[in-house]
Protein backbone atom coordinates (compact mmCIF):
# COMPACT_ATOMS: atom_id res chain seq x y z
CA UNK A 1 113.97 -184.91 83.05
CA UNK A 2 116.71 -182.33 82.30
CA UNK A 3 118.31 -184.28 79.48
CA UNK A 4 117.64 -181.64 76.83
CA UNK A 5 118.55 -178.70 79.08
CA UNK A 6 121.79 -179.63 80.86
CA UNK A 7 125.10 -180.35 79.10
CA UNK A 8 125.90 -183.99 78.23
CA UNK A 9 128.33 -184.15 81.15
CA UNK A 10 125.43 -184.35 83.61
CA UNK A 11 123.91 -187.35 81.80
CA UNK A 12 127.21 -189.26 81.93
CA UNK A 13 127.69 -192.33 84.12
CA UNK A 14 131.40 -191.60 84.51
CA UNK A 15 132.71 -191.40 88.05
CA UNK A 16 136.00 -191.02 89.89
CA UNK A 17 135.60 -194.21 91.94
CA UNK A 18 132.92 -196.91 92.07
CA UNK A 19 131.47 -199.30 94.61
CA UNK A 20 128.32 -201.24 93.77
CA UNK A 21 125.90 -203.17 95.94
CA UNK A 22 122.53 -204.70 95.13
CA UNK A 23 120.44 -202.38 97.26
CA UNK A 24 117.90 -199.83 96.13
CA UNK A 25 118.55 -197.24 98.86
CA UNK A 26 121.95 -197.49 100.54
CA UNK A 27 123.05 -194.68 102.84
CA UNK A 28 126.63 -193.48 102.70
CA UNK A 29 128.90 -190.93 104.30
CA UNK A 30 132.51 -189.87 103.81
CA UNK A 31 134.72 -190.18 106.87
CA UNK A 32 136.30 -186.84 107.83
CA UNK A 33 139.87 -186.19 106.65
CA UNK A 34 140.04 -189.54 104.90
CA UNK A 35 139.73 -191.31 101.57
CA UNK A 36 137.14 -193.64 103.08
CA UNK A 37 133.40 -193.86 103.14
CA UNK A 38 130.87 -195.90 105.07
CA UNK A 39 127.86 -197.52 103.39
CA UNK A 40 124.90 -199.11 105.19
CA UNK A 41 122.33 -201.00 103.15
CA UNK A 42 118.63 -201.52 103.86
CA UNK A 43 119.36 -205.09 104.95
CA UNK A 44 121.79 -203.74 107.61
CA UNK A 45 125.03 -204.61 105.85
CA UNK A 46 127.88 -202.27 106.77
CA UNK A 47 130.80 -201.53 104.46
CA UNK A 48 133.90 -199.42 105.10
CA UNK A 49 135.40 -198.58 101.73
CA UNK A 50 138.58 -196.83 100.65
CA UNK A 51 139.59 -195.40 97.30
CA UNK A 52 142.79 -194.00 95.84
CA UNK A 53 142.48 -190.21 95.90
CA UNK A 54 145.06 -189.84 93.12
CA UNK A 55 143.83 -192.33 90.54
CA UNK A 56 140.26 -193.29 91.49
CA UNK A 57 139.06 -196.57 90.01
CA UNK A 58 137.56 -199.43 91.94
CA UNK A 59 137.00 -199.10 95.67
CA UNK A 60 138.50 -201.50 98.20
CA UNK A 61 136.28 -202.97 100.93
CA UNK A 62 138.34 -202.76 104.12
CA UNK A 63 135.64 -203.93 106.53
CA UNK A 64 132.17 -205.40 106.10
CA UNK A 65 129.66 -207.00 108.42
CA UNK A 66 125.97 -207.46 109.00
CA UNK A 67 124.73 -205.20 111.79
CA UNK A 68 122.60 -206.76 114.50
CA UNK A 69 120.16 -204.03 115.46
CA UNK A 70 118.56 -206.11 118.25
CA UNK A 71 121.59 -205.90 120.57
């Protein structure tokens, strides 16, 4: 949509750190005062992920589970 207006930087797929899941609409949040984030997918999978704040790169899954919303 803005490809011709914004600088090329905004069209780049470069990122500091990456974590990929096969879900169309995951929800994520950074944990306060931490280099961790929490991701919850539409199929109720929970991931706690950390990343190196100095070098970036691939994220490390520290905890993952399927949430049981019926309990």
